[in-house]
Amino acid sequence: MKYVIGIDLGTSAVKTILVNQNGEVCAEVSKSYPLIQERSGYNEQNPEEWVHQTIQALADLVSQSQVQQIEGISYSGQMHGLVLLDENQRVLRNAILWNDTRTTPQCRKIKEEFEEQLLNITKNPVLEGFTLPKILWVKEHEPETFEKTSVFLLPKDYVRLRMTGAINSEFSDAAGTLLLNVTSKTWSGEICRKFGIPESICPPLVESHDCVGTLLPSIAAETGLSEKTKVFAGGADNACGAIGAGILSPGKTLCSIGTSGVILSHEEDKGKDFKGKVHFFNHGKADAFYAMGVTLAAGYSLSWFKETFAPEETFEQLLKGMESVPIGASGLLFTPYLVGERTPHAGSSIRGSFIGMDGGHKREHFIRAVLEGITFSLQESINLFRQQGKRVDTIISIGGGAKNETWLQMQADIFNAKVIKLKSEQGPAMGAAMLAAFGNGWFTSLEECAGQFIKEDAVFYPEEQSVQKYEGLFNLYQRIFDLTRDLNVALAAYRDQ
């Protein structure tokens, strides 16, 4: 039997899975690493932590599985993060992550000087999370670091560099930088020139399924893998999540709830214009695209609640009893704006709220409100798709939102759509493994690979009475952003005190 490995470099941990030719996950290992938060809005990581923990995870995976025929490795990675290297490929500073919101002044400058032209080129709005504002922040606040920069990389691309010695990026991750011409699949010289960024610091671009090299001897020795193991470029976490869920043709929509939350729909028309209301990125499938709405603090909202109020409990213990709480959590609403918001409210100052608290609410009411608030936020993206004429009636749910049946039924009722849970839900790591399998020639297409690798487990259908109740609650939820925006702007002055 032959095998491939999928590596998913997430925000809090790296996950590695070993997959055989039948699409069966034979082993998996995860390793965590810390977030560096020096002040409110700052989110960084040490790229060497990614490399060290990835190597350790691979070594454990190989040791546990005791298999020999591992033919390929590919990657999924957290998007938008900025890694700067000097001419000797040394890291110049900590990576600035996707959920870092320090770049509001840089975003304001981009919008004032170039917003319409940039939207035409990149198909995406100017937001703090993207890579271009981060580069401009470094250029302004750390000019000596900017001057030393020989190349910038995205997180997974740096890990792959350390494992192969090859510098590359690929289109699905590059699309999240605000430096890529999404339709022509080239770095935009026009954007680089406009903001004084040498085009030479942009890495070479390849397709997600392209083989970019083999393992360095030192990495092979540390992991127990062969030096002949082929390494494939991989994709952005959301693109790989789409591949791993079979979102490879029009008609299916993905709901992925990890640290952030994503609603994603396959697109083939490169001329499709959402006018920046949702993201429009290159897919991990060649010559395809996807539209995507994002909730910045989806699963993070639940993690925050657990770590703040029940740090000793598992998530299963935390959610126990929530299913008996009625729809609407007895009049309690939550907005998951803990780190700002992305879709449809692109704002770094907005913060989360519990609205409607009274003395009768217990912990389980707050938990239900958190889950409903996360799902309402994702429904806002589905609304935008439907307003553009897209049919959204079948949704593949992956990530943390697919681990609890009450939450899956909640998604079906709030989305008013059929929600499918997969038998082996490995998300972006599975998508990365599929890219390695396809790149190795096991299948003639990613679609053929999906037919072998992806199996449905359960289906949840919307219940009409619940759908109607949630529609009323959703209308109330949508009003909270505007009603609390000014309060949150005013409170921002007190966050760093």
Protein backbone atom coordinates (compact mmCIF):
# COMPACT_ATOMS: atom_id res chain seq x y z
CA MET A 1 0.00 0.00 0.00
CA LYS A 2 1.18 3.53 -0.85
CA TYR A 3 0.73 6.59 1.36
CA VAL A 4 0.84 10.38 1.36
CA ILE A 5 1.01 12.91 4.19
CA GLY A 6 -1.09 16.04 4.56
CA ILE A 7 0.28 18.82 6.78
CA ASP A 8 -2.07 21.54 8.02
CA LEU A 9 -0.21 24.49 9.57
CA GLY A 10 -2.93 26.11 11.66
CA THR A 11 -2.97 29.11 13.97
CA SER A 12 -2.63 27.13 17.19
CA ALA A 13 -1.18 23.81 16.04
CA VAL A 14 0.19 21.81 13.13
CA LYS A 15 -1.74 18.69 12.21
CA THR A 16 -0.27 15.84 10.16
CA ILE A 17 -2.22 12.92 8.72
CA LEU A 18 -1.10 9.75 6.94
CA VAL A 19 -3.50 8.67 4.19
CA ASN A 20 -3.44 5.51 2.07
CA GLN A 21 -4.54 5.05 -1.55
CA ASN A 22 -8.09 4.28 -0.45
CA GLY A 23 -8.39 7.62 1.28
CA GLU A 24 -8.25 6.09 4.76
CA VAL A 25 -6.53 8.07 7.50
CA CYS A 26 -4.07 5.62 9.04
CA ALA A 27 -2.47 7.91 11.62
CA GLU A 28 -2.52 11.52 12.75
CA VAL A 29 -0.38 13.67 15.04
CA SER A 30 -0.80 17.27 16.16
CA LYS A 31 1.67 19.61 17.86
CA SER A 32 0.78 23.01 19.29
CA TYR A 33 2.73 26.26 19.43
CA PRO A 34 2.12 29.56 21.21
CA LEU A 35 0.65 32.83 20.03
CA ILE A 36 2.65 35.98 20.81
CA GLN A 37 0.38 38.89 21.80
CA GLU A 38 2.46 41.84 22.98
CA ARG A 39 -0.51 44.21 23.00
CA SER A 40 -4.15 44.38 21.95
CA GLY A 41 -4.52 43.67 18.23
CA TYR A 42 -1.02 42.19 17.86
CA ASN A 43 -0.82 38.50 16.90
CA GLU A 44 2.54 36.99 15.99
CA GLN A 45 4.33 33.64 15.97
CA ASN A 46 7.92 32.50 15.74
CA PRO A 47 8.27 30.67 12.39
CA GLU A 48 10.90 28.39 13.92
CA GLU A 49 8.18 27.01 16.20
CA TRP A 50 6.23 25.94 13.09
CA VAL A 51 9.26 24.17 11.66
CA HIS A 52 10.25 22.45 14.90
CA GLN A 53 6.75 21.22 15.69
CA THR A 54 6.10 20.09 12.11
CA ILE A 55 9.29 18.00 12.12
CA GLN A 56 8.36 16.54 15.52
CA ALA A 57 4.84 15.73 14.31
CA LEU A 58 6.19 14.00 11.19
CA ALA A 59 8.69 12.01 13.24
CA ASP A 60 5.93 10.82 15.57
CA LEU A 61 3.65 10.04 12.63
CA VAL A 62 6.29 7.89 10.94
CA SER A 63 7.24 6.19 14.20
CA GLN A 64 3.62 5.36 15.10
CA SER A 65 2.62 4.10 11.66
CA GLN A 66 5.71 2.07 10.81
CA VAL A 67 4.91 2.24 7.07
CA GLN A 68 7.47 2.54 4.29
CA GLN A 69 5.85 3.61 1.03
CA ILE A 70 5.23 7.30 1.83
CA GLU A 71 5.42 8.83 -1.63
CA GLY A 72 4.52 12.46 -1.08
CA ILE A 73 3.86 15.36 1.27
CA SER A 74 1.81 18.49 0.76
CA TYR A 75 0.73 21.42 2.88
CA SER A 76 -2.19 23.52 3.94
CA GLY A 77 -1.49 26.74 5.76
CA GLN A 78 -3.01 29.63 7.64
CA MET A 79 -3.43 32.49 5.16
CA HIS A 80 -2.10 36.06 4.98
CA GLY A 81 0.73 35.70 7.54
CA LEU A 82 3.92 37.65 6.76
CA VAL A 83 7.32 35.97 7.03
CA LEU A 84 10.29 38.14 6.01
CA LEU A 85 13.66 36.61 5.07
CA ASP A 86 17.04 38.18 4.39
CA GLU A 87 19.38 37.23 1.55
CA ASN A 88 20.60 34.23 3.56
CA GLN A 89 17.03 32.97 4.07
CA ARG A 90 17.10 33.92 7.75
CA VAL A 91 13.91 35.10 9.45
CA LEU A 92 14.08 38.84 10.14
CA ARG A 93 11.24 39.12 12.69
CA ASN A 94 8.31 37.17 14.10
CA ALA A 95 5.58 36.38 11.59
CA ILE A 96 2.61 38.78 11.67
CA LEU A 97 -0.54 36.64 11.49
CA TRP A 98 -3.86 36.83 9.69
CA ASN A 99 -5.72 37.88 12.85
CA ASP A 100 -3.39 40.80 13.60
CA THR A 101 -5.25 44.13 13.40
CA ARG A 102 -2.49 46.71 13.88
CA THR A 103 -2.56 47.85 10.23
CA THR A 104 -5.64 50.09 10.23
CA PRO A 105 -3.60 53.23 9.24
CA GLN A 106 -1.98 51.33 6.36
CA CYS A 107 -5.37 50.07 5.18
CA ARG A 108 -6.72 53.62 5.32
CA LYS A 109 -3.85 54.83 3.15
CA ILE A 110 -4.36 52.05 0.60
CA LYS A 111 -8.08 52.84 0.39
CA GLU A 112 -7.49 56.56 -0.01
CA GLU A 113 -4.87 56.19 -2.73
CA PHE A 114 -5.73 53.01 -4.63
CA GLU A 115 -8.89 51.25 -3.44
CA GLU A 116 -10.82 50.96 -6.71
CA GLN A 117 -7.80 49.98 -8.80
CA LEU A 118 -6.66 47.44 -6.21
CA LEU A 119 -10.11 45.85 -6.05
CA ASN A 120 -10.09 45.47 -9.84
CA ILE A 121 -6.72 43.69 -9.69
CA THR A 122 -7.01 41.57 -6.54
CA LYS A 123 -10.83 41.04 -6.44
CA ASN A 124 -10.69 41.57 -2.67
CA PRO A 125 -11.29 44.46 -0.26
CA VAL A 126 -8.55 46.12 1.76
CA LEU A 127 -8.51 44.58 5.24
CA GLU A 128 -6.11 44.49 8.18
CA GLY A 129 -5.65 40.74 7.94
CA PHE A 130 -4.13 40.73 4.46
CA THR A 131 -0.41 40.66 3.74
CA LEU A 132 0.10 43.94 1.84
CA PRO A 133 -0.87 46.17 4.83
CA LYS A 134 1.52 44.14 7.00
CA ILE A 135 4.39 44.78 4.58
CA LEU A 136 3.57 48.50 4.62
CA TRP A 137 3.47 48.47 8.43
CA VAL A 138 6.97 46.96 8.55
CA LYS A 139 8.15 49.44 5.92
CA GLU A 140 6.89 52.33 8.06
CA HIS A 141 7.71 51.15 11.58
CA GLU A 142 10.72 48.85 11.01
CA PRO A 143 12.47 50.32 7.96
CA GLU A 144 15.75 48.55 8.72
CA THR A 145 13.95 45.20 8.58
CA PHE A 146 12.23 46.13 5.32
CA GLU A 147 15.57 47.12 3.77
CA LYS A 148 17.07 43.74 4.66
CA THR A 149 14.14 41.81 3.15
CA SER A 150 15.08 39.58 0.25
CA VAL A 151 11.80 37.68 -0.01
CA PHE A 152 8.48 37.41 1.82
CA LEU A 153 6.75 34.08 2.32
CA LEU A 154 3.43 32.87 3.67
CA PRO A 155 3.53 30.52 6.69
CA LYS A 156 3.29 27.12 5.02
CA ASP A 157 5.71 28.25 2.31
CA TYR A 158 8.36 28.98 4.93
CA VAL A 159 7.94 25.52 6.48
CA ARG A 160 8.21 23.96 3.02
CA LEU A 161 11.35 26.00 2.32
CA ARG A 162 12.96 24.65 5.48
CA MET A 163 12.06 21.10 4.46
CA THR A 164 13.15 21.31 0.79
CA GLY A 165 15.42 24.35 0.39
CA ALA A 166 13.11 25.67 -2.38
CA ILE A 167 11.41 29.07 -2.30
CA ASN A 168 7.92 29.06 -3.81
CA SER A 169 4.39 30.22 -3.24
CA GLU A 170 1.23 29.08 -5.02
CA PHE A 171 -1.83 30.85 -6.31
CA SER A 172 -4.41 30.06 -3.62
CA ASP A 173 -2.25 31.51 -0.83
CA ALA A 174 -0.83 34.32 -2.96
CA ALA A 175 -4.40 35.46 -3.68
CA GLY A 176 -4.70 36.43 -0.01
CA THR A 177 -1.83 38.91 -0.07
CA LEU A 178 -3.47 41.81 -2.00
CA LEU A 179 -0.45 41.64 -4.29
CA LEU A 180 -1.68 39.04 -6.80
CA ASN A 181 -3.60 39.73 -9.99
CA VAL A 182 -6.13 36.98 -9.31
CA THR A 183 -7.36 36.53 -12.88
CA SER A 184 -3.97 36.65 -14.64
CA LYS A 185 -2.24 34.68 -11.82
CA THR A 186 0.77 37.00 -11.67
CA TRP A 187 2.21 39.31 -9.03
CA SER A 188 1.00 42.84 -9.70
CA GLY A 189 3.87 45.12 -10.65
CA GLU A 190 1.40 48.01 -10.56
CA ILE A 191 0.60 47.47 -6.87
CA CYS A 192 4.25 46.93 -5.96
CA ARG A 193 5.31 50.14 -7.70
CA LYS A 194 2.48 52.14 -6.16
CA PHE A 195 3.56 51.31 -2.63
CA GLY A 196 7.33 51.12 -3.07
CA ILE A 197 7.64 47.36 -2.71
CA PRO A 198 10.36 45.68 -4.80
CA GLU A 199 8.67 43.08 -6.97
CA SER A 200 11.78 40.95 -6.45
CA ILE A 201 10.67 40.10 -2.89
CA CYS A 202 7.62 38.26 -4.25
CA PRO A 203 8.36 34.51 -4.44
CA PRO A 204 8.04 32.39 -7.63
CA LEU A 205 4.53 31.02 -8.20
CA VAL A 206 3.52 27.40 -8.92
CA GLU A 207 0.32 25.34 -9.00
CA SER A 208 -0.87 23.71 -5.76
CA HIS A 209 -0.31 20.17 -7.10
CA ASP A 210 3.16 20.92 -8.52
CA CYS A 211 6.14 19.01 -7.14
CA VAL A 212 8.65 21.58 -5.85
CA GLY A 213 11.37 19.20 -4.67
CA THR A 214 12.22 16.42 -2.25
CA LEU A 215 13.20 16.41 1.41
CA LEU A 216 16.56 17.74 2.48
CA PRO A 217 18.80 14.98 3.92
CA SER A 218 18.75 16.54 7.39
CA ILE A 219 14.93 16.70 7.42
CA ALA A 220 14.66 13.13 6.16
CA ALA A 221 16.96 11.99 8.96
CA GLU A 222 14.99 13.86 11.65
CA THR A 223 11.58 12.62 10.47
CA GLY A 224 12.41 9.09 9.40
CA LEU A 225 11.15 9.78 5.88
CA SER A 226 13.04 9.02 2.68
CA GLU A 227 15.08 11.74 0.97
CA LYS A 228 13.19 10.76 -2.19
CA THR A 229 9.81 11.77 -0.71
CA LYS A 230 8.22 14.21 -3.15
CA VAL A 231 7.04 17.52 -1.77
CA PHE A 232 4.09 19.33 -3.38
CA ALA A 233 3.31 23.02 -3.10
CA GLY A 234 -0.04 22.74 -1.28
CA GLY A 235 -2.61 25.45 -0.74
CA ALA A 236 -4.18 28.00 1.54
CA ASP A 237 -6.10 26.42 4.40
CA ASN A 238 -9.47 27.40 2.97
CA ALA A 239 -8.61 26.13 -0.51
CA CYS A 240 -7.40 22.84 0.97
CA GLY A 241 -10.47 22.67 3.18
CA ALA A 242 -12.57 22.98 0.04
CA ILE A 243 -10.62 20.20 -1.68
CA GLY A 244 -10.86 17.98 1.40
CA ALA A 245 -14.63 18.48 1.47
CA GLY A 246 -15.10 17.90 -2.26
CA ILE A 247 -16.00 21.50 -3.14
CA LEU A 248 -14.61 21.07 -6.64
CA SER A 249 -17.59 21.96 -8.83
CA PRO A 250 -20.53 24.40 -8.72
CA GLY A 251 -23.46 23.55 -6.47
CA LYS A 252 -21.83 22.68 -3.14
CA THR A 253 -20.95 25.10 -0.37
CA LEU A 254 -18.50 24.63 2.49
CA CYS A 255 -18.97 25.66 6.11
CA SER A 256 -15.66 25.37 7.93
CA ILE A 257 -15.43 26.31 11.60
CA GLY A 258 -11.92 26.42 12.98
CA THR A 259 -10.32 29.35 14.78
CA SER A 260 -12.02 31.44 12.12
CA GLY A 261 -15.16 30.46 10.26
CA VAL A 262 -15.61 30.22 6.50
CA ILE A 263 -18.47 29.94 4.05
CA LEU A 264 -16.97 28.98 0.68
CA SER A 265 -18.45 28.35 -2.76
CA HIS A 266 -16.73 27.00 -5.91
CA GLU A 267 -16.49 29.40 -8.86
CA GLU A 268 -15.31 28.82 -12.44
CA ASP A 269 -15.99 32.28 -13.90
CA LYS A 270 -12.86 34.40 -13.37
CA GLY A 271 -14.86 37.43 -14.40
CA LYS A 272 -17.28 37.03 -11.49
CA ASP A 273 -17.46 40.32 -9.60
CA PHE A 274 -18.69 40.36 -6.00
CA LYS A 275 -17.43 43.97 -5.70
CA GLY A 276 -15.43 43.12 -2.60
CA LYS A 277 -18.47 42.07 -0.54
CA VAL A 278 -16.97 38.59 -0.18
CA HIS A 279 -13.50 37.29 -0.95
CA PHE A 280 -12.65 35.91 -4.39
CA PHE A 281 -9.54 33.73 -4.44
CA ASN A 282 -7.76 31.25 -6.67
CA HIS A 283 -8.65 27.65 -5.77
CA GLY A 284 -6.17 24.87 -5.04
CA LYS A 285 -7.69 23.24 -8.12
CA ALA A 286 -5.95 24.62 -11.21
CA ASP A 287 -7.78 27.37 -13.11
CA ALA A 288 -10.66 27.50 -10.64
CA PHE A 289 -11.69 30.04 -8.02
CA TYR A 290 -13.80 30.27 -4.90
CA ALA A 291 -15.89 32.94 -3.23
CA MET A 292 -15.63 33.13 0.53
CA GLY A 293 -17.08 34.94 3.52
CA VAL A 294 -15.17 34.91 6.82
CA THR A 295 -16.00 35.18 10.50
CA LEU A 296 -12.74 36.04 12.26
CA ALA A 297 -13.56 34.57 15.68
CA ALA A 298 -15.79 31.56 15.00
CA GLY A 299 -14.33 28.57 16.83
CA TYR A 300 -12.14 31.04 18.70
CA SER A 301 -15.25 32.44 20.38
CA LEU A 302 -16.07 29.03 21.83
CA SER A 303 -12.41 28.43 22.78
CA TRP A 304 -12.29 31.82 24.47
CA PHE A 305 -15.43 31.02 26.48
CA LYS A 306 -14.03 27.64 27.54
CA GLU A 307 -10.60 28.97 28.53
CA THR A 308 -12.13 31.90 30.41
CA PHE A 309 -14.92 30.13 32.28
CA ALA A 310 -14.20 26.38 32.14
CA PRO A 311 -10.48 25.83 31.48
CA GLU A 312 -10.40 22.38 33.08
CA GLU A 313 -13.27 20.96 31.00
CA THR A 314 -13.23 19.30 27.60
CA PHE A 315 -15.36 20.77 24.83
CA GLU A 316 -17.70 17.77 25.17
CA GLN A 317 -18.22 18.56 28.86
CA LEU A 318 -18.67 22.24 28.11
CA LEU A 319 -21.43 21.63 25.56
CA LYS A 320 -23.31 19.11 27.72
CA GLY A 321 -26.83 20.34 28.48
CA MET A 322 -26.79 22.96 25.73
CA GLU A 323 -29.18 20.88 23.61
CA SER A 324 -31.97 21.35 26.17
CA VAL A 325 -31.80 25.15 25.94
CA PRO A 326 -34.51 26.54 23.61
CA ILE A 327 -33.78 28.33 20.35
CA GLY A 328 -32.68 31.87 21.14
CA ALA A 329 -31.11 30.89 24.47
CA SER A 330 -34.08 32.35 26.35
CA GLY A 331 -33.52 35.82 24.94
CA LEU A 332 -29.71 35.92 24.91
CA LEU A 333 -27.74 36.91 21.78
CA PHE A 334 -23.97 36.84 21.21
CA THR A 335 -21.92 38.52 18.49
CA PRO A 336 -18.53 36.86 17.83
CA TYR A 337 -16.55 40.04 17.16
CA LEU A 338 -13.77 39.26 19.65
CA VAL A 339 -10.99 40.32 17.27
CA GLY A 340 -12.98 42.55 14.92
CA GLU A 341 -14.95 41.18 12.01
CA ARG A 342 -14.48 40.38 8.32
CA THR A 343 -17.74 39.54 6.45
CA PRO A 344 -19.91 41.51 5.92
CA HIS A 345 -18.66 44.03 8.50
CA ALA A 346 -15.01 44.69 7.74
CA GLY A 347 -13.96 46.46 10.92
CA SER A 348 -11.12 46.18 13.41
CA SER A 349 -12.73 48.25 16.20
CA ILE A 350 -15.96 46.29 16.64
CA ARG A 351 -15.98 43.87 19.57
CA GLY A 352 -18.25 41.08 20.77
CA SER A 353 -21.37 41.43 22.89
CA PHE A 354 -23.79 39.42 24.96
CA ILE A 355 -27.18 41.12 24.57
CA GLY A 356 -30.21 40.33 26.74
CA MET A 357 -28.60 38.86 29.87
CA ASP A 358 -30.84 38.36 32.88
CA GLY A 359 -30.67 36.61 36.22
CA GLY A 360 -32.34 33.48 34.90
CA HIS A 361 -29.57 32.63 32.45
CA LYS A 362 -27.26 29.74 33.30
CA ARG A 363 -23.97 28.72 31.74
CA GLU A 364 -25.69 26.53 29.16
CA HIS A 365 -27.67 29.55 27.90
CA PHE A 366 -24.43 31.43 27.27
CA ILE A 367 -22.94 28.42 25.47
CA ARG A 368 -25.99 28.09 23.23
CA ALA A 369 -25.89 31.83 22.53
CA VAL A 370 -22.20 31.58 21.54
CA LEU A 371 -22.92 28.76 19.06
CA GLU A 372 -25.95 30.58 17.63
CA GLY A 373 -23.99 33.84 17.32
CA ILE A 374 -21.16 32.11 15.43
CA THR A 375 -23.69 30.50 13.08
CA PHE A 376 -25.60 33.77 12.57
CA SER A 377 -22.33 35.43 11.55
CA LEU A 378 -21.74 32.71 8.94
CA GLN A 379 -25.34 33.10 7.74
CA GLU A 380 -24.50 36.69 6.81
CA SER A 381 -22.07 35.32 4.20
CA ILE A 382 -24.66 32.87 2.89
CA ASN A 383 -27.07 35.80 2.55
CA LEU A 384 -24.54 37.61 0.36
CA PHE A 385 -24.15 34.57 -1.89
CA ARG A 386 -27.90 34.20 -2.26
CA GLN A 387 -28.26 37.89 -3.06
CA GLN A 388 -25.82 37.29 -5.94
CA GLY A 389 -28.14 34.61 -7.31
CA LYS A 390 -26.20 31.59 -6.04
CA ARG A 391 -28.19 28.54 -4.96
CA VAL A 392 -27.14 27.43 -1.49
CA ASP A 393 -29.07 24.32 -0.55
CA THR A 394 -26.33 21.75 0.23
CA ILE A 395 -23.60 22.57 2.73
CA ILE A 396 -20.65 20.40 3.75
CA SER A 397 -19.79 21.21 7.38
CA ILE A 398 -16.26 20.57 8.62
CA GLY A 399 -14.14 21.59 11.60
CA GLY A 400 -15.35 22.18 15.12
CA GLY A 401 -18.89 22.88 13.92
CA ALA A 402 -19.19 19.30 12.65
CA LYS A 403 -18.33 17.63 15.97
CA ASN A 404 -21.65 18.22 17.73
CA GLU A 405 -25.02 17.06 16.37
CA THR A 406 -26.96 19.86 18.06
CA TRP A 407 -24.71 22.40 16.37
CA LEU A 408 -25.09 20.65 13.00
CA GLN A 409 -28.88 20.80 13.28
CA MET A 410 -28.56 24.45 14.30
CA GLN A 411 -26.61 25.10 11.09
CA ALA A 412 -29.26 23.39 8.98
CA ASP A 413 -32.00 25.48 10.61
CA ILE A 414 -30.18 28.83 10.49
CA PHE A 415 -28.82 28.29 6.96
CA ASN A 416 -32.16 26.77 5.82
CA ALA A 417 -30.17 24.17 3.88
CA LYS A 418 -29.23 20.50 3.96
CA VAL A 419 -26.04 20.08 6.02
CA ILE A 420 -23.75 17.08 5.42
CA LYS A 421 -21.26 15.67 7.89
CA LEU A 422 -18.40 13.65 6.40
CA LYS A 423 -17.30 10.20 7.60
CA SER A 424 -13.64 11.17 7.89
CA GLU A 425 -13.55 14.89 8.51
CA GLN A 426 -9.93 15.95 8.30
CA GLY A 427 -10.50 19.34 6.66
CA PRO A 428 -7.48 21.15 5.20
CA ALA A 429 -5.07 18.33 6.09
CA MET A 430 -7.09 15.97 3.88
CA GLY A 431 -7.06 18.53 1.07
CA ALA A 432 -3.28 18.71 1.35
CA ALA A 433 -3.05 14.91 1.24
CA MET A 434 -5.30 14.88 -1.85
CA LEU A 435 -2.99 17.37 -3.59
CA ALA A 436 -0.08 15.03 -2.89
CA ALA A 437 -2.05 12.01 -4.15
CA PHE A 438 -3.08 13.80 -7.34
CA GLY A 439 0.40 15.25 -7.81
CA ASN A 440 1.85 11.76 -7.50
CA GLY A 441 -0.35 10.56 -10.34
CA TRP A 442 -2.61 8.29 -8.29
CA PHE A 443 -5.64 9.93 -9.91
CA THR A 444 -6.31 11.75 -13.17
CA SER A 445 -8.08 14.64 -11.41
CA LEU A 446 -8.88 16.00 -7.97
CA GLU A 447 -12.52 15.11 -8.64
CA GLU A 448 -11.57 11.44 -9.14
CA CYS A 449 -9.52 11.60 -5.95
CA ALA A 450 -12.50 13.08 -4.06
CA GLY A 451 -14.70 10.22 -5.23
CA GLN A 452 -12.32 7.78 -3.55
CA PHE A 453 -11.34 9.79 -0.47
CA ILE A 454 -14.55 11.55 0.65
CA LYS A 455 -17.59 9.76 2.12
CA GLU A 456 -20.76 11.18 3.68
CA ASP A 457 -21.66 10.16 7.24
CA ALA A 458 -24.88 11.99 8.21
CA VAL A 459 -27.31 14.53 6.77
CA PHE A 460 -29.21 17.18 8.74
CA TYR A 461 -32.31 18.77 7.23
CA PRO A 462 -33.81 22.14 8.19
CA GLU A 463 -36.92 21.98 10.35
CA GLU A 464 -39.51 24.52 9.23
CA GLN A 465 -40.60 25.68 12.69
CA SER A 466 -36.98 26.19 13.77
CA VAL A 467 -36.16 27.96 10.51
CA GLN A 468 -38.89 30.51 11.17
CA LYS A 469 -37.75 31.14 14.75
CA TYR A 470 -34.18 31.64 13.64
CA GLU A 471 -35.20 34.05 10.89
CA GLY A 472 -36.68 36.38 13.52
CA LEU A 473 -33.61 36.08 15.74
CA PHE A 474 -31.29 36.64 12.79
CA ASN A 475 -33.04 39.91 11.99
CA LEU A 476 -32.31 41.07 15.56
CA TYR A 477 -28.72 39.82 15.36
CA GLN A 478 -28.09 41.86 12.20
CA ARG A 479 -28.96 45.09 14.03
CA ILE A 480 -26.36 44.66 16.78
CA PHE A 481 -23.33 45.66 14.70
CA ASP A 482 -24.67 49.11 13.85
CA LEU A 483 -26.12 49.68 17.32
CA THR A 484 -22.81 48.90 19.10
CA ARG A 485 -20.28 50.22 16.58
CA ASP A 486 -19.87 53.70 18.08
CA LEU A 487 -19.67 52.30 21.61
CA ASN A 488 -16.88 49.95 20.59
CA VAL A 489 -14.93 52.71 18.83
CA ALA A 490 -15.11 54.77 22.02
CA LEU A 491 -14.11 51.82 24.22
CA ALA A 492 -11.05 51.13 22.03
CA ALA A 493 -9.20 53.93 23.82
CA TYR A 494 -9.36 51.93 27.06
CA ARG A 495 -8.15 48.55 25.78
CA ASP A 496 -4.44 49.21 26.08
CA GLN A 497 -4.57 50.88 29.48
